[in-house]
């Protein structure tokens, strides 16, 4: 569950950076009252922490054992 939350936050961050790069529009700042507002800073921090968490996904063994019954 934590992986999905982190991935969602990283996607939000990526879309926000895309908006900044393409349109010079910061959606998070627009929604929460500017880049310096407390809520915006919390969102930016959560996105950064989620990105750090997602680094672990690169090194995690994702193969799961599948139990296939014999016929």
C-alpha atoms as a PDB file:
ATOM      1  CA  UNK A   1       0.000   0.000   0.000  1.00  0.00           C
ATOM      2  CA  UNK A   2       2.844   2.371   0.857  1.00  0.00           C
ATOM      3  CA  UNK A   3       4.378   1.715  -2.565  1.00  0.00           C
ATOM      4  CA  UNK A   4       1.170   2.793  -4.302  1.00  0.00           C
ATOM      5  CA  UNK A   5       0.874   5.960  -2.221  1.00  0.00           C
ATOM      6  CA  UNK A   6       4.499   6.828  -2.935  1.00  0.00           C
ATOM      7  CA  UNK A   7       4.020   6.159  -6.639  1.00  0.00           C
ATOM      8  CA  UNK A   8       0.904   8.361  -6.731  1.00  0.00           C
ATOM      9  CA  UNK A   9       2.794  11.208  -5.038  1.00  0.00           C
ATOM     10  CA  UNK A  10       5.704  10.853  -7.457  1.00  0.00           C
ATOM     11  CA  UNK A  11       3.272  10.977 -10.392  1.00  0.00           C
ATOM     12  CA  UNK A  12       1.713  14.140  -8.952  1.00  0.00           C
ATOM     13  CA  UNK A  13       5.188  15.633  -8.602  1.00  0.00           C
ATOM     14  CA  UNK A  14       6.122  14.651 -12.137  1.00  0.00           C
ATOM     15  CA  UNK A  15       2.964  16.178 -13.572  1.00  0.00           C
ATOM     16  CA  UNK A  16       3.572  19.331 -11.553  1.00  0.00           C
ATOM     17  CA  UNK A  17       7.139  19.594 -12.883  1.00  0.00           C
ATOM     18  CA  UNK A  18       5.818  18.999 -16.384  1.00  0.00           C
ATOM     19  CA  UNK A  19       3.427  21.900 -15.915  1.00  0.00           C
ATOM     20  CA  UNK A  20       6.271  24.090 -14.707  1.00  0.00           C
ATOM     21  CA  UNK A  21       8.513  23.111 -17.616  1.00  0.00           C
ATOM     22  CA  UNK A  22       5.916  23.382 -20.368  1.00  0.00           C
ATOM     23  CA  UNK A  23       3.628  26.138 -19.172  1.00  0.00           C
ATOM     24  CA  UNK A  24       5.477  27.867 -16.296  1.00  0.00           C
ATOM     25  CA  UNK A  25       2.515  26.890 -14.116  1.00  0.00           C
ATOM     26  CA  UNK A  26       2.974  25.360 -10.653  1.00  0.00           C
ATOM     27  CA  UNK A  27      -0.269  23.524  -9.904  1.00  0.00           C
ATOM     28  CA  UNK A  28       0.600  22.814  -6.263  1.00  0.00           C
ATOM     29  CA  UNK A  29       1.381  26.473  -5.593  1.00  0.00           C
ATOM     30  CA  UNK A  30      -1.782  27.537  -7.409  1.00  0.00           C
ATOM     31  CA  UNK A  31      -3.964  25.140  -5.397  1.00  0.00           C
ATOM     32  CA  UNK A  32      -2.469  25.916  -1.996  1.00  0.00           C
ATOM     33  CA  UNK A  33      -1.653  29.632  -2.085  1.00  0.00           C
ATOM     34  CA  UNK A  34       1.877  29.949  -3.410  1.00  0.00           C
ATOM     35  CA  UNK A  35       5.157  28.100  -3.146  1.00  0.00           C
ATOM     36  CA  UNK A  36       5.926  29.491   0.289  1.00  0.00           C
ATOM     37  CA  UNK A  37       2.632  28.473   1.889  1.00  0.00           C
ATOM     38  CA  UNK A  38       2.839  25.813   4.563  1.00  0.00           C
ATOM     39  CA  UNK A  39       0.533  23.387   2.755  1.00  0.00           C
ATOM     40  CA  UNK A  40       2.511  23.682  -0.501  1.00  0.00           C
ATOM     41  CA  UNK A  41       5.743  23.041   1.351  1.00  0.00           C
ATOM     42  CA  UNK A  42       4.201  19.960   2.989  1.00  0.00           C
ATOM     43  CA  UNK A  43       3.087  18.645  -0.418  1.00  0.00           C
ATOM     44  CA  UNK A  44       6.554  19.280  -1.895  1.00  0.00           C
ATOM     45  CA  UNK A  45       8.140  17.492   1.068  1.00  0.00           C
ATOM     46  CA  UNK A  46       5.792  14.505   0.768  1.00  0.00           C
ATOM     47  CA  UNK A  47       6.569  14.234  -2.943  1.00  0.00           C
ATOM     48  CA  UNK A  48      10.303  14.319  -2.193  1.00  0.00           C
ATOM     49  CA  UNK A  49       9.968  11.635   0.493  1.00  0.00           C
ATOM     50  CA  UNK A  50       7.900   9.530  -1.900  1.00  0.00           C
ATOM     51  CA  UNK A  51      10.604   9.866  -4.558  1.00  0.00           C
ATOM     52  CA  UNK A  52      13.217   8.698  -2.055  1.00  0.00           C
ATOM     53  CA  UNK A  53      10.980   5.746  -1.172  1.00  0.00           C
ATOM     54  CA  UNK A  54      10.545   4.892  -4.877  1.00  0.00           C
ATOM     55  CA  UNK A  55      14.319   4.589  -5.249  1.00  0.00           C
ATOM     56  CA  UNK A  56      13.978   1.397  -3.199  1.00  0.00           C
ATOM     57  CA  UNK A  57      11.624   0.023  -5.853  1.00  0.00           C
ATOM     58  CA  UNK A  58      14.513  -0.039  -8.313  1.00  0.00           C
ATOM     59  CA  UNK A  59      16.501  -2.408  -6.121  1.00  0.00           C
ATOM     60  CA  UNK A  60      13.703  -4.551  -4.765  1.00  0.00           C
ATOM     61  CA  UNK A  61      13.231  -8.133  -5.948  1.00  0.00           C
ATOM     62  CA  UNK A  62       9.707  -8.099  -7.375  1.00  0.00           C
ATOM     63  CA  UNK A  63       9.531 -11.745  -8.356  1.00  0.00           C
ATOM     64  CA  UNK A  64       6.963 -13.482  -6.236  1.00  0.00           C
ATOM     65  CA  UNK A  65       6.712 -17.205  -5.825  1.00  0.00           C
ATOM     66  CA  UNK A  66       3.674 -18.513  -7.631  1.00  0.00           C
ATOM     67  CA  UNK A  67       2.200 -21.737  -6.327  1.00  0.00           C
ATOM     68  CA  UNK A  68       0.957 -23.692  -9.337  1.00  0.00           C
ATOM     69  CA  UNK A  69      -0.940 -26.854  -8.422  1.00  0.00           C
ATOM     70  CA  UNK A  70       0.147 -30.048 -10.149  1.00  0.00           C
ATOM     71  CA  UNK A  71      -2.390 -31.801 -12.365  1.00  0.00           C
END
